[in-house]
């Protein structure tokens, strides 16, 4: 779960810094854990957080156009495959 939260934070920081400039001055204080950092980011970037949880990265699945009957399986990924590490 911690890795997921750090990933969300990274995406938010990267996408924010590309479009809105440097956010490093906003993160000068110490945070006790990853979820605290994520909460801080989502205080201003709630919409980006909602957008992120709809992505293939978050859902761990995506289109599989080269798999037979692809339209029936709803997308394959780590969520519904075995030994996919």
N, C-alpha and C. Protein backbone atom coordinates (compact mmCIF):
# COMPACT_ATOMS: atom_id res chain seq x y z
N UNK A 1 0.82 -1.18 0.00
CA UNK A 1 0.00 0.00 0.00
C UNK A 1 0.87 1.25 0.00
N UNK A 2 1.98 1.22 0.74
CA UNK A 2 2.87 2.36 0.80
C UNK A 2 3.46 2.71 -0.56
N UNK A 3 3.82 1.67 -1.32
CA UNK A 3 4.37 1.89 -2.65
C UNK A 3 3.36 2.59 -3.55
N UNK A 4 2.11 2.20 -3.43
CA UNK A 4 1.05 2.82 -4.23
C UNK A 4 0.94 4.30 -3.89
N UNK A 5 0.97 4.61 -2.63
CA UNK A 5 0.85 6.01 -2.21
C UNK A 5 2.05 6.84 -2.68
N UNK A 6 3.25 6.26 -2.60
CA UNK A 6 4.42 6.97 -3.09
C UNK A 6 4.34 7.17 -4.60
N UNK A 7 3.78 6.20 -5.30
CA UNK A 7 3.60 6.32 -6.75
C UNK A 7 2.63 7.45 -7.07
N UNK A 8 1.53 7.50 -6.33
CA UNK A 8 0.57 8.59 -6.54
C UNK A 8 1.26 9.93 -6.31
N UNK A 9 2.00 10.02 -5.25
CA UNK A 9 2.71 11.26 -4.95
C UNK A 9 3.65 11.63 -6.08
N UNK A 10 4.40 10.67 -6.57
CA UNK A 10 5.35 10.94 -7.65
C UNK A 10 4.63 11.46 -8.89
N UNK A 11 3.53 10.83 -9.24
CA UNK A 11 2.77 11.26 -10.42
C UNK A 11 2.23 12.67 -10.21
N UNK A 12 1.71 12.93 -9.05
CA UNK A 12 1.16 14.27 -8.77
C UNK A 12 2.26 15.32 -8.81
N UNK A 13 3.39 15.02 -8.18
CA UNK A 13 4.48 15.99 -8.16
C UNK A 13 5.02 16.22 -9.57
N UNK A 14 5.23 15.15 -10.32
CA UNK A 14 5.76 15.29 -11.67
C UNK A 14 4.78 16.06 -12.55
N UNK A 15 3.51 15.67 -12.52
CA UNK A 15 2.54 16.35 -13.38
C UNK A 15 2.34 17.80 -12.92
N UNK A 16 2.38 18.05 -11.64
CA UNK A 16 2.21 19.41 -11.14
C UNK A 16 3.39 20.29 -11.50
N UNK A 17 4.60 19.75 -11.37
CA UNK A 17 5.77 20.57 -11.64
C UNK A 17 5.90 20.86 -13.13
N UNK A 18 5.42 19.98 -13.96
CA UNK A 18 5.47 20.22 -15.39
C UNK A 18 4.51 21.33 -15.77
N UNK A 19 3.34 21.35 -15.15
CA UNK A 19 2.32 22.31 -15.54
C UNK A 19 2.24 23.53 -14.62
N UNK A 20 2.65 23.41 -13.37
CA UNK A 20 2.43 24.51 -12.43
C UNK A 20 3.69 25.00 -11.75
N UNK A 21 4.84 24.53 -12.15
CA UNK A 21 6.07 25.02 -11.56
C UNK A 21 6.55 24.19 -10.38
N UNK A 22 7.54 24.69 -9.72
CA UNK A 22 8.22 23.99 -8.63
C UNK A 22 7.37 24.01 -7.36
N UNK A 23 7.14 22.82 -6.79
CA UNK A 23 6.37 22.70 -5.56
C UNK A 23 7.27 22.38 -4.35
N UNK A 24 8.58 22.40 -4.53
CA UNK A 24 9.47 21.98 -3.44
C UNK A 24 9.31 22.84 -2.19
N UNK A 25 8.99 24.10 -2.33
CA UNK A 25 8.82 24.95 -1.14
C UNK A 25 7.59 24.55 -0.33
N UNK A 26 6.65 23.86 -0.95
CA UNK A 26 5.45 23.41 -0.25
C UNK A 26 5.70 22.14 0.57
N UNK A 27 6.79 21.45 0.27
CA UNK A 27 7.07 20.19 0.94
C UNK A 27 8.32 20.26 1.82
N UNK A 28 8.59 21.43 2.38
CA UNK A 28 9.78 21.60 3.20
C UNK A 28 9.67 20.95 4.57
N UNK A 29 8.46 20.74 5.06
CA UNK A 29 8.33 20.14 6.40
C UNK A 29 8.52 18.63 6.32
N UNK A 30 8.80 18.03 7.47
CA UNK A 30 8.98 16.58 7.53
C UNK A 30 7.62 15.91 7.64
N UNK A 31 7.45 14.84 6.91
CA UNK A 31 6.21 14.06 6.96
C UNK A 31 6.53 12.71 7.60
N UNK A 32 5.66 12.22 8.46
CA UNK A 32 5.94 10.96 9.15
C UNK A 32 5.87 9.73 8.25
N UNK A 33 5.13 9.83 7.14
CA UNK A 33 4.97 8.67 6.27
C UNK A 33 4.45 9.10 4.90
N UNK A 34 4.41 8.15 3.97
CA UNK A 34 3.93 8.42 2.63
C UNK A 34 2.50 8.92 2.55
N UNK A 35 1.58 8.29 3.29
CA UNK A 35 0.20 8.76 3.23
C UNK A 35 0.05 10.23 3.65
N UNK A 36 0.89 10.70 4.55
CA UNK A 36 0.83 12.11 4.96
C UNK A 36 1.20 13.03 3.80
N UNK A 37 2.18 12.62 3.03
CA UNK A 37 2.59 13.41 1.86
C UNK A 37 1.46 13.42 0.84
N UNK A 38 0.88 12.26 0.61
CA UNK A 38 -0.22 12.16 -0.35
C UNK A 38 -1.39 13.04 0.06
N UNK A 39 -1.76 13.02 1.35
CA UNK A 39 -2.84 13.88 1.83
C UNK A 39 -2.53 15.35 1.57
N UNK A 40 -1.28 15.73 1.79
CA UNK A 40 -0.87 17.12 1.57
C UNK A 40 -1.05 17.50 0.09
N UNK A 41 -0.63 16.62 -0.80
CA UNK A 41 -0.78 16.89 -2.24
C UNK A 41 -2.25 16.95 -2.64
N UNK A 42 -3.03 16.01 -2.14
CA UNK A 42 -4.44 15.95 -2.52
C UNK A 42 -5.25 17.11 -1.97
N UNK A 43 -4.73 17.81 -0.99
CA UNK A 43 -5.43 18.98 -0.46
C UNK A 43 -5.63 20.03 -1.57
N UNK A 44 -4.68 20.12 -2.48
CA UNK A 44 -4.80 21.07 -3.60
C UNK A 44 -5.07 20.39 -4.94
N UNK A 45 -4.75 19.10 -5.02
CA UNK A 45 -4.82 18.39 -6.31
C UNK A 45 -5.79 17.21 -6.25
N UNK A 46 -6.95 17.44 -5.70
CA UNK A 46 -7.94 16.37 -5.55
C UNK A 46 -8.37 15.81 -6.91
N UNK A 47 -8.58 16.68 -7.87
CA UNK A 47 -9.01 16.22 -9.20
C UNK A 47 -7.97 15.30 -9.85
N UNK A 48 -6.69 15.65 -9.72
CA UNK A 48 -5.63 14.81 -10.27
C UNK A 48 -5.61 13.44 -9.58
N UNK A 49 -5.90 13.42 -8.30
CA UNK A 49 -5.96 12.15 -7.57
C UNK A 49 -7.08 11.27 -8.10
N UNK A 50 -8.25 11.87 -8.34
CA UNK A 50 -9.37 11.10 -8.91
C UNK A 50 -9.04 10.61 -10.31
N UNK A 51 -8.38 11.44 -11.09
CA UNK A 51 -7.98 11.03 -12.44
C UNK A 51 -7.00 9.86 -12.40
N UNK A 52 -6.06 9.92 -11.47
CA UNK A 52 -5.03 8.88 -11.38
C UNK A 52 -5.62 7.51 -11.07
N UNK A 53 -6.63 7.45 -10.19
CA UNK A 53 -7.16 6.13 -9.82
C UNK A 53 -8.00 5.51 -10.93
N UNK A 54 -8.13 6.19 -12.05
CA UNK A 54 -8.81 5.62 -13.22
C UNK A 54 -7.82 5.10 -14.26
N UNK A 55 -6.52 5.25 -14.01
CA UNK A 55 -5.51 4.87 -15.00
C UNK A 55 -5.21 3.38 -14.95
N UNK A 56 -4.63 2.88 -16.04
CA UNK A 56 -4.21 1.48 -16.11
C UNK A 56 -3.17 1.18 -15.03
N UNK A 57 -2.33 2.15 -14.73
CA UNK A 57 -1.31 1.94 -13.70
C UNK A 57 -1.95 1.65 -12.34
N UNK A 58 -2.93 2.43 -11.96
CA UNK A 58 -3.61 2.23 -10.68
C UNK A 58 -4.45 0.96 -10.68
N UNK A 59 -5.18 0.73 -11.76
CA UNK A 59 -6.10 -0.41 -11.84
C UNK A 59 -5.39 -1.73 -12.10
N UNK A 60 -4.14 -1.66 -12.53
CA UNK A 60 -3.35 -2.85 -12.86
C UNK A 60 -4.02 -3.68 -13.94
N UNK A 61 -4.64 -3.03 -14.88
CA UNK A 61 -5.19 -3.74 -16.04
C UNK A 61 -5.31 -2.75 -17.18
N UNK A 62 -5.42 -3.30 -18.37
CA UNK A 62 -5.52 -2.44 -19.54
C UNK A 62 -5.94 -3.23 -20.76
N UNK A 63 -6.05 -2.58 -21.89
CA UNK A 63 -6.47 -3.28 -23.10
C UNK A 63 -5.45 -4.34 -23.52
N UNK A 64 -5.95 -5.41 -24.10
CA UNK A 64 -5.10 -6.50 -24.56
C UNK A 64 -5.47 -6.85 -26.00
N UNK A 65 -5.14 -5.99 -26.93
CA UNK A 65 -5.58 -6.18 -28.31
C UNK A 65 -4.99 -7.41 -29.00
N UNK A 66 -3.91 -7.98 -28.49
CA UNK A 66 -3.29 -9.13 -29.12
C UNK A 66 -3.69 -10.46 -28.48
N UNK A 67 -4.71 -10.44 -27.65
CA UNK A 67 -5.21 -11.64 -26.98
C UNK A 67 -6.57 -11.99 -27.58
N UNK A 68 -6.76 -13.28 -27.90
CA UNK A 68 -8.03 -13.72 -28.47
C UNK A 68 -9.18 -13.37 -27.54
N UNK A 69 -10.30 -13.01 -28.10
CA UNK A 69 -11.50 -12.63 -27.34
C UNK A 69 -11.23 -11.49 -26.37
N UNK A 70 -10.40 -10.58 -26.76
CA UNK A 70 -10.01 -9.45 -25.89
C UNK A 70 -11.21 -8.69 -25.38
N UNK A 71 -12.22 -8.54 -26.20
CA UNK A 71 -13.38 -7.75 -25.79
C UNK A 71 -14.16 -8.42 -24.66
N UNK A 72 -13.96 -9.71 -24.46
CA UNK A 72 -14.69 -10.43 -23.41
C UNK A 72 -14.00 -10.37 -22.05
N UNK A 73 -12.69 -10.17 -22.06
CA UNK A 73 -11.97 -10.27 -20.78
C UNK A 73 -11.89 -8.96 -20.00
N UNK A 74 -12.24 -7.84 -20.61
CA UNK A 74 -12.25 -6.57 -19.88
C UNK A 74 -10.89 -6.02 -19.55
N UNK A 75 -9.86 -6.56 -20.16
CA UNK A 75 -8.50 -6.09 -19.91
C UNK A 75 -7.77 -7.01 -18.95
N UNK A 76 -6.53 -7.27 -19.26
CA UNK A 76 -5.72 -8.14 -18.42
C UNK A 76 -4.63 -7.32 -17.75
N UNK A 77 -4.14 -7.80 -16.63
CA UNK A 77 -3.07 -7.13 -15.92
C UNK A 77 -2.69 -7.90 -14.67
N UNK A 78 -1.91 -7.27 -13.81
CA UNK A 78 -1.46 -7.94 -12.60
C UNK A 78 -2.62 -8.34 -11.71
N UNK A 79 -3.70 -7.64 -11.83
CA UNK A 79 -4.86 -7.91 -10.99
C UNK A 79 -5.49 -9.27 -11.27
N UNK A 80 -5.45 -9.74 -12.53
CA UNK A 80 -6.17 -10.97 -12.87
C UNK A 80 -5.33 -11.98 -13.64
N UNK A 81 -4.02 -11.96 -13.49
CA UNK A 81 -3.13 -12.95 -14.10
C UNK A 81 -2.27 -13.59 -13.03
N UNK A 82 -1.84 -14.82 -13.30
CA UNK A 82 -0.93 -15.50 -12.37
C UNK A 82 0.50 -15.37 -12.84
N UNK A 83 1.45 -15.38 -11.92
CA UNK A 83 2.87 -15.37 -12.23
C UNK A 83 3.24 -14.30 -13.23
N UNK A 84 2.82 -13.10 -12.98
CA UNK A 84 3.08 -12.01 -13.91
C UNK A 84 4.12 -11.03 -13.40
N UNK A 85 4.95 -11.46 -12.49
CA UNK A 85 5.94 -10.56 -11.95
C UNK A 85 7.03 -10.33 -12.93
